[in-house]
Amino acid sequence: MKIEGIELRRIEMPLVAPFRTSFGTETVKKILLVRVVTAHSQGWGECVADAIPSYSSEYVDGATNVIRDYFIPALAQSRDIDMWDVAPRLRTYKGHPMAKAALEMAIMDAQLRSRGVSFRQFLGGTVDRVPAGVSVGIMDSIGQLLDAVDGYLSQGYVRIKLKIEPGWDVAAVAAVRERFGDDVALQVDANTAYRLHDLRTLAKLDAFDLLLIEQPLPEDDLRGHATLATELKTPICLDESIVSAKSAADAIVMGATSVVNIKPGRVGGFLEARRIHDVCAAHDVPVWCGGMLESGIGRAGNIALASLPNFTLPGDTSASDRYYTTDITPPFVLHEGHVTVPGGDGIGVEPDPAILDKNTVSTEWISFT
């Protein structure tokens, strides 16, 4: 596949409400989009790095720079490139999986569009809709939290995930269970906010029949997670710790996790995400698809990934209006607790030019000719 050029487009999308985690609060999502243009098609990728290096060491400005100054020149040494070339050609450069994933996604999208193949078909998806969960941020009060959860359940979401941190954990979970009962599929996400000495607090969560506790300890503390797994009844799920198929296998063998959250951007792209899915399936470890407040472009790919057979738990595959009043693509809509997997070629969606331009901060075109 001969690439003619790549566009780097920075956009900003206001959130419908502030989204707070243990890392901080977001009110506007700053996104880097990558558009790959070939003679026969174009493809879109989305970089999920945050505006600041909080969730990971990557951030939007840094991702833009490394793609422009290093990754594109490495790929441009030959115009004839396909999706399988991206990771090997960029292996010289350490880290930056979110930036690499954005490039791989755009090239994959262009390549699959030219072949008339959807992401779901290529990845091996087996269903045409996936169950949708929702992530509920840290609130100013328990009352505000209960109102938010009530609204999401009324909309039909089949799983609730509560963000937690020290001081906002047991009481919040207890209030949700008391108000909405034991039938609600409920899990919590700590985003590395705890340490092993917080075991007593985390153990109190066992009383609430949670699906899982996601990433309670720092990403490099697999031993600590393995210890927690022996002390808690609630399953431990890893997110930030899982950066590759190898790291997933290591964590499983160590007993550090019994559930895995797969985010394509965090692991370097959809090809590695599929490998992680396969490794987990081989070990009978269920997986689910996490989210990074993606626009419709990134969300389309995530939903296709979540159609693979070992995605047996509802993911953060929310409808577009969970985060954005107006998405840059046709919105994903919740229906009977599910969202539909795009069936068109590639990621199956296209951004609306007018909405895209309205939210664009800058564009940069890099020619391969």
Protein backbone atom coordinates (compact mmCIF):
# COMPACT_ATOMS: atom_id res chain seq x y z
CA MET A 1 0.00 0.00 0.00
CA LYS A 2 1.58 3.24 -1.17
CA ILE A 3 1.12 6.17 1.22
CA GLU A 4 0.94 9.64 -0.28
CA GLY A 5 0.99 11.53 2.99
CA ILE A 6 -0.14 11.76 6.59
CA GLU A 7 -2.15 14.50 8.28
CA LEU A 8 -1.81 15.25 11.99
CA ARG A 9 -4.92 17.00 13.25
CA ARG A 10 -5.36 18.36 16.77
CA ILE A 11 -8.94 18.73 17.98
CA GLU A 12 -10.58 19.74 21.26
CA MET A 13 -13.95 18.37 22.36
CA PRO A 14 -15.74 19.68 25.45
CA LEU A 15 -17.10 16.98 27.76
CA VAL A 16 -20.76 17.00 28.75
CA ALA A 17 -19.60 17.06 32.40
CA PRO A 18 -16.25 17.12 34.20
CA PHE A 19 -14.69 13.65 34.46
CA ARG A 20 -12.64 13.11 37.61
CA THR A 21 -10.33 10.21 38.41
CA SER A 22 -7.49 9.76 40.90
CA PHE A 23 -5.25 11.40 38.26
CA GLY A 24 -7.25 14.64 38.02
CA THR A 25 -10.26 16.22 36.32
CA GLU A 26 -10.91 16.69 32.59
CA THR A 27 -13.42 19.14 31.13
CA VAL A 28 -12.12 19.19 27.55
CA LYS A 29 -10.63 16.24 25.71
CA LYS A 30 -7.62 17.21 23.61
CA ILE A 31 -7.16 14.64 20.85
CA LEU A 32 -4.60 13.96 18.16
CA LEU A 33 -6.06 12.40 15.02
CA VAL A 34 -3.92 10.77 12.33
CA ARG A 35 -5.17 10.57 8.73
CA VAL A 36 -3.28 8.39 6.26
CA VAL A 37 -3.92 9.03 2.56
CA THR A 38 -3.14 6.49 -0.17
CA ALA A 39 -3.91 6.49 -3.88
CA HIS A 40 -7.05 4.41 -3.28
CA SER A 41 -8.26 5.17 0.25
CA GLN A 42 -7.71 7.05 3.45
CA GLY A 43 -7.64 5.85 7.04
CA TRP A 44 -8.13 7.41 10.46
CA GLY A 45 -6.37 6.78 13.75
CA GLU A 46 -6.81 8.34 17.18
CA CYS A 47 -4.11 8.85 19.77
CA VAL A 48 -5.52 8.33 23.25
CA ALA A 49 -2.78 10.17 25.14
CA ASP A 50 -4.07 12.74 27.64
CA ALA A 51 -3.16 16.41 27.60
CA ILE A 52 -0.73 15.84 30.49
CA PRO A 53 1.39 12.77 31.41
CA SER A 54 -0.87 11.54 34.21
CA TYR A 55 -2.39 8.20 33.16
CA SER A 56 0.92 7.36 31.48
CA SER A 57 4.15 9.08 30.48
CA GLU A 58 2.62 9.98 27.11
CA TYR A 59 0.82 13.24 26.40
CA VAL A 60 -0.67 14.86 23.32
CA ASP A 61 2.10 17.35 22.55
CA GLY A 62 4.74 14.67 22.99
CA ALA A 63 2.85 12.20 20.81
CA THR A 64 2.50 14.80 18.07
CA ASN A 65 6.21 15.56 18.16
CA VAL A 66 7.42 11.96 18.15
CA ILE A 67 5.08 11.00 15.31
CA ARG A 68 6.12 14.00 13.20
CA ASP A 69 9.85 14.03 13.95
CA TYR A 70 10.66 10.31 14.24
CA PHE A 71 7.90 7.87 13.34
CA ILE A 72 6.78 9.33 10.03
CA PRO A 73 10.35 9.75 8.72
CA ALA A 74 11.01 6.11 9.64
CA LEU A 75 7.93 4.96 7.74
CA ALA A 76 8.58 7.34 4.82
CA GLN A 77 11.81 5.56 3.93
CA SER A 78 9.52 3.41 1.81
CA ARG A 79 6.11 4.52 0.56
CA ASP A 80 5.01 0.90 0.31
CA ILE A 81 3.77 0.15 3.84
CA ASP A 82 1.11 -2.02 5.42
CA MET A 83 -0.18 -2.47 8.95
CA TRP A 84 2.28 -5.27 9.73
CA ASP A 85 5.23 -2.96 8.99
CA VAL A 86 4.47 -0.31 11.61
CA ALA A 87 5.65 -2.03 14.79
CA PRO A 88 8.86 -3.50 13.27
CA ARG A 89 9.87 -0.21 11.66
CA LEU A 90 9.28 1.76 14.86
CA ARG A 91 10.90 -0.76 17.19
CA THR A 92 14.08 1.34 17.28
CA TYR A 93 12.18 3.97 19.27
CA LYS A 94 11.50 3.05 22.88
CA GLY A 95 8.06 3.51 24.36
CA HIS A 96 5.33 5.79 22.98
CA PRO A 97 2.77 2.98 22.45
CA MET A 98 -0.15 5.42 22.13
CA ALA A 99 1.57 7.33 19.35
CA LYS A 100 2.50 4.08 17.60
CA ALA A 101 -1.05 2.78 18.00
CA ALA A 102 -2.51 5.88 16.34
CA LEU A 103 -0.30 5.43 13.28
CA GLU A 104 -0.98 1.70 13.09
CA MET A 105 -4.74 2.27 13.37
CA ALA A 106 -4.77 4.83 10.55
CA ILE A 107 -2.73 2.60 8.24
CA MET A 108 -4.87 -0.42 9.15
CA ASP A 109 -8.04 1.56 8.46
CA ALA A 110 -6.79 2.66 5.03
CA GLN A 111 -5.62 -0.83 4.15
CA LEU A 112 -8.83 -2.56 5.21
CA ARG A 113 -10.97 0.04 3.43
CA SER A 114 -9.09 -0.64 0.21
CA ARG A 115 -9.80 -4.36 0.63
CA GLY A 116 -13.46 -3.92 1.58
CA VAL A 117 -12.90 -5.53 5.00
CA SER A 118 -14.18 -4.26 8.35
CA PHE A 119 -12.19 -4.08 11.58
CA ARG A 120 -14.55 -6.66 13.07
CA GLN A 121 -13.96 -9.11 10.23
CA PHE A 122 -10.20 -8.65 10.28
CA LEU A 123 -9.82 -8.91 14.06
CA GLY A 124 -12.09 -11.96 14.27
CA GLY A 125 -15.19 -10.51 15.90
CA THR A 126 -18.11 -12.87 16.33
CA VAL A 127 -21.03 -10.59 17.27
CA ASP A 128 -22.62 -7.52 15.72
CA ARG A 129 -23.32 -5.69 18.99
CA VAL A 130 -21.56 -5.55 22.35
CA PRO A 131 -22.82 -4.88 25.90
CA ALA A 132 -22.05 -1.38 27.10
CA GLY A 133 -20.82 -0.37 30.52
CA VAL A 134 -20.24 3.14 31.77
CA SER A 135 -17.46 4.69 33.84
CA VAL A 136 -18.59 7.05 36.60
CA GLY A 137 -16.03 9.57 37.80
CA ILE A 138 -15.33 10.72 41.35
CA MET A 139 -18.03 13.14 42.49
CA ASP A 140 -18.30 16.01 44.97
CA SER A 141 -20.88 14.17 47.06
CA ILE A 142 -22.57 10.78 47.51
CA GLY A 143 -25.86 12.34 46.45
CA GLN A 144 -24.35 13.50 43.18
CA LEU A 145 -22.92 10.02 42.61
CA LEU A 146 -26.27 8.33 43.20
CA ASP A 147 -28.01 10.70 40.82
CA ALA A 148 -25.40 9.95 38.12
CA VAL A 149 -25.66 6.17 38.56
CA ASP A 150 -29.46 6.38 38.51
CA GLY A 151 -29.30 8.26 35.22
CA TYR A 152 -27.00 5.71 33.59
CA LEU A 153 -29.08 2.76 34.75
CA SER A 154 -32.20 4.47 33.43
CA GLN A 155 -30.47 4.78 30.05
CA GLY A 156 -29.91 1.02 30.04
CA TYR A 157 -26.21 0.58 30.77
CA VAL A 158 -25.59 -3.00 31.86
CA ARG A 159 -22.54 -2.38 34.05
CA ILE A 160 -21.44 0.47 36.31
CA LYS A 161 -17.78 1.23 36.99
CA LEU A 162 -16.99 3.59 39.85
CA LYS A 163 -13.71 5.48 39.94
CA ILE A 164 -12.23 5.34 43.45
CA GLU A 165 -9.33 6.77 45.40
CA PRO A 166 -8.40 6.86 49.12
CA GLY A 167 -11.24 8.68 50.88
CA TRP A 168 -13.70 7.96 48.05
CA ASP A 169 -14.14 4.21 48.05
CA VAL A 170 -16.00 2.10 50.61
CA ALA A 171 -18.70 4.63 51.48
CA ALA A 172 -19.35 5.40 47.81
CA VAL A 173 -19.64 1.73 46.85
CA ALA A 174 -21.83 0.99 49.87
CA ALA A 175 -24.18 3.83 48.94
CA VAL A 176 -24.56 2.57 45.37
CA ARG A 177 -25.22 -0.99 46.53
CA GLU A 178 -27.74 0.15 49.14
CA ARG A 179 -29.61 2.36 46.67
CA PHE A 180 -29.61 0.09 43.60
CA GLY A 181 -29.30 -3.42 45.02
CA ASP A 182 -27.13 -6.43 44.40
CA ASP A 183 -28.38 -7.10 40.87
CA VAL A 184 -26.44 -4.19 39.38
CA ALA A 185 -23.18 -5.35 37.79
CA LEU A 186 -20.71 -3.14 39.65
CA GLN A 187 -16.94 -2.75 39.59
CA VAL A 188 -14.39 -0.19 40.75
CA ASP A 189 -11.29 1.36 39.19
CA ALA A 190 -8.49 2.79 41.31
CA ASN A 191 -6.09 3.86 38.54
CA THR A 192 -3.06 2.91 40.74
CA ALA A 193 -4.21 5.10 43.67
CA TYR A 194 -3.54 2.58 46.48
CA ARG A 195 -0.56 0.83 48.03
CA LEU A 196 -0.28 -2.58 49.62
CA HIS A 197 -0.60 -1.04 53.08
CA ASP A 198 -4.17 -0.10 52.06
CA LEU A 199 -5.12 -3.79 52.14
CA ARG A 200 -7.62 -3.33 55.00
CA THR A 201 -9.51 -0.67 53.08
CA LEU A 202 -9.53 -2.69 49.86
CA ALA A 203 -10.66 -5.79 51.77
CA LYS A 204 -13.79 -3.94 52.90
CA LEU A 205 -14.88 -3.86 49.26
CA ASP A 206 -15.29 -7.65 49.35
CA ALA A 207 -18.63 -7.12 51.06
CA PHE A 208 -20.22 -5.63 47.95
CA ASP A 209 -19.99 -8.52 45.44
CA LEU A 210 -18.03 -6.51 42.86
CA LEU A 211 -17.16 -7.89 39.45
CA LEU A 212 -13.57 -6.77 39.99
CA ILE A 213 -11.19 -4.19 41.40
CA GLU A 214 -9.27 -2.57 38.55
CA GLN A 215 -5.60 -1.62 38.95
CA PRO A 216 -5.52 -0.87 42.69
CA LEU A 217 -1.70 -0.63 42.91
CA PRO A 218 1.01 1.02 40.76
CA GLU A 219 1.55 -0.48 37.32
CA ASP A 220 4.99 -1.89 38.16
CA ASP A 221 3.84 -3.69 41.33
CA LEU A 222 2.88 -7.13 40.00
CA ARG A 223 4.08 -8.76 43.22
CA GLY A 224 1.78 -6.51 45.24
CA HIS A 225 -1.17 -7.36 43.01
CA ALA A 226 -0.38 -11.07 43.40
CA THR A 227 -0.43 -10.60 47.17
CA LEU A 228 -3.76 -8.75 47.00
CA ALA A 229 -5.20 -11.55 44.90
CA THR A 230 -4.54 -14.02 47.71
CA GLU A 231 -6.06 -11.73 50.36
CA LEU A 232 -9.20 -10.49 48.60
CA LYS A 233 -12.29 -12.33 47.41
CA THR A 234 -12.90 -9.74 44.70
CA PRO A 235 -11.05 -10.49 41.43
CA ILE A 236 -8.09 -8.27 40.59
CA CYS A 237 -8.13 -6.75 37.10
CA LEU A 238 -5.06 -5.12 35.57
CA ASP A 239 -5.11 -2.13 33.23
CA GLU A 240 -2.02 0.08 33.31
CA SER A 241 0.21 -2.94 34.06
CA ILE A 242 -0.74 -4.68 30.81
CA VAL A 243 1.37 -3.20 28.01
CA SER A 244 1.88 -6.27 25.80
CA ALA A 245 0.95 -9.91 25.35
CA LYS A 246 4.10 -10.82 27.27
CA SER A 247 3.20 -8.64 30.24
CA ALA A 248 -0.28 -10.16 30.26
CA ALA A 249 1.15 -13.67 30.29
CA ASP A 250 3.59 -12.74 33.07
CA ALA A 251 0.85 -11.21 35.22
CA ILE A 252 -1.39 -14.23 34.76
CA VAL A 253 1.36 -16.73 35.61
CA MET A 254 2.32 -14.70 38.71
CA GLY A 255 -1.28 -14.72 39.90
CA ALA A 256 -1.39 -10.93 39.77
CA THR A 257 -4.62 -10.81 37.77
CA SER A 258 -7.65 -12.91 36.89
CA VAL A 259 -9.24 -10.35 34.54
CA VAL A 260 -7.59 -8.06 31.97
CA ASN A 261 -8.67 -4.68 30.62
CA ILE A 262 -7.41 -4.26 27.04
CA LYS A 263 -6.92 -0.76 25.64
CA PRO A 264 -5.44 -0.75 22.12
CA GLY A 265 -3.75 2.60 22.62
CA ARG A 266 -2.03 1.51 25.83
CA VAL A 267 -0.56 -1.63 24.26
CA GLY A 268 0.66 -0.14 20.99
CA GLY A 269 -2.23 -0.94 18.67
CA PHE A 270 -4.97 -3.33 17.65
CA LEU A 271 -2.60 -6.05 16.48
CA GLU A 272 -1.03 -6.33 19.94
CA ALA A 273 -4.48 -5.99 21.53
CA ARG A 274 -5.61 -9.06 19.61
CA ARG A 275 -2.52 -10.97 20.77
CA ILE A 276 -3.36 -10.09 24.38
CA HIS A 277 -6.92 -11.30 23.81
CA ASP A 278 -5.57 -14.61 22.51
CA VAL A 279 -3.08 -15.05 25.38
CA CYS A 280 -5.82 -14.40 27.94
CA ALA A 281 -8.21 -16.79 26.17
CA ALA A 282 -5.56 -19.50 26.25
CA HIS A 283 -5.31 -19.04 30.04
CA ASP A 284 -9.12 -18.84 30.55
CA VAL A 285 -8.77 -15.23 31.70
CA PRO A 286 -11.70 -13.03 30.59
CA VAL A 287 -11.06 -9.62 29.07
CA TRP A 288 -12.99 -6.42 28.51
CA CYS A 289 -12.33 -3.27 26.50
CA GLY A 290 -11.41 -0.11 28.37
CA GLY A 291 -11.86 3.44 27.18
CA MET A 292 -9.94 6.70 27.12
CA LEU A 293 -12.77 9.15 26.35
CA GLU A 294 -12.32 8.50 22.64
CA SER A 295 -14.13 10.30 19.88
CA GLY A 296 -16.19 8.22 17.46
CA ILE A 297 -13.03 7.27 15.57
CA GLY A 298 -11.32 5.58 18.50
CA ARG A 299 -14.64 4.28 19.84
CA ALA A 300 -15.37 2.53 16.53
CA GLY A 301 -12.16 0.54 16.75
CA ASN A 302 -12.72 -0.33 20.41
CA ILE A 303 -16.23 -1.60 19.74
CA ALA A 304 -14.96 -3.79 16.90
CA LEU A 305 -12.26 -5.20 19.20
CA ALA A 306 -14.87 -5.90 21.89
CA SER A 307 -16.72 -8.18 19.46
CA LEU A 308 -14.00 -10.85 19.81
CA PRO A 309 -15.12 -13.99 21.68
CA ASN A 310 -13.10 -13.64 24.91
CA PHE A 311 -14.52 -10.16 25.63
CA THR A 312 -17.04 -11.70 28.01
CA LEU A 313 -17.44 -8.70 30.35
CA PRO A 314 -19.09 -5.40 29.41
CA GLY A 315 -16.48 -2.76 28.60
CA ASP A 316 -16.30 1.02 28.63
CA THR A 317 -17.96 1.01 25.22
CA SER A 318 -20.44 3.72 26.13
CA ALA A 319 -22.65 5.64 23.73
CA SER A 320 -21.17 8.84 22.32
CA ASP A 321 -23.43 11.06 24.43
CA ARG A 322 -21.83 9.72 27.63
CA TYR A 323 -19.00 12.16 26.98
CA TYR A 324 -19.88 14.43 24.04
CA THR A 325 -22.93 16.45 23.08
CA THR A 326 -21.80 16.21 19.46
CA ASP A 327 -19.32 13.60 18.29
CA ILE A 328 -17.18 14.08 15.19
CA THR A 329 -18.65 10.90 13.66
CA PRO A 330 -22.26 9.72 13.55
CA PRO A 331 -22.93 8.97 17.22
CA PHE A 332 -22.87 5.53 18.75
CA VAL A 333 -26.23 4.97 20.40
CA LEU A 334 -27.20 2.73 23.30
CA HIS A 335 -29.98 0.24 22.48
CA GLU A 336 -31.13 -2.33 25.04
CA GLY A 337 -27.83 -1.95 26.85
CA HIS A 338 -25.70 -2.56 23.74
CA VAL A 339 -23.92 -0.63 21.02
CA THR A 340 -23.73 -1.82 17.42
CA VAL A 341 -20.40 -2.85 15.94
CA PRO A 342 -19.71 -0.84 12.77
CA GLY A 343 -20.12 -3.02 9.72
CA GLY A 344 -18.58 -0.81 7.04
CA ASP A 345 -15.10 -1.09 5.61
CA GLY A 346 -12.22 -0.30 7.95
CA ILE A 347 -13.41 1.25 11.20
CA GLY A 348 -16.78 1.74 9.53
CA VAL A 349 -17.28 5.43 10.33
CA GLU A 350 -16.18 8.75 8.85
CA PRO A 351 -15.88 12.10 10.63
CA ASP A 352 -18.33 14.82 9.65
CA PRO A 353 -16.20 17.47 7.90
CA ALA A 354 -18.10 20.44 9.34
CA ILE A 355 -18.04 19.13 12.92
CA LEU A 356 -14.41 18.10 12.55
CA ASP A 357 -13.40 21.55 11.32
CA LYS A 358 -15.34 23.24 14.11
CA ASN A 359 -13.35 21.31 16.73
CA THR A 360 -9.97 21.52 14.98
CA VAL A 361 -7.17 23.47 16.62
CA SER A 362 -4.41 22.75 14.07
CA THR A 363 -3.52 20.55 11.11
CA GLU A 364 -0.22 19.53 9.61
CA TRP A 365 0.29 17.67 6.32
CA ILE A 366 3.42 15.57 5.79
CA SER A 367 3.91 14.37 2.22
CA PHE A 368 5.60 11.08 1.34
CA THR A 369 6.26 12.17 -2.25
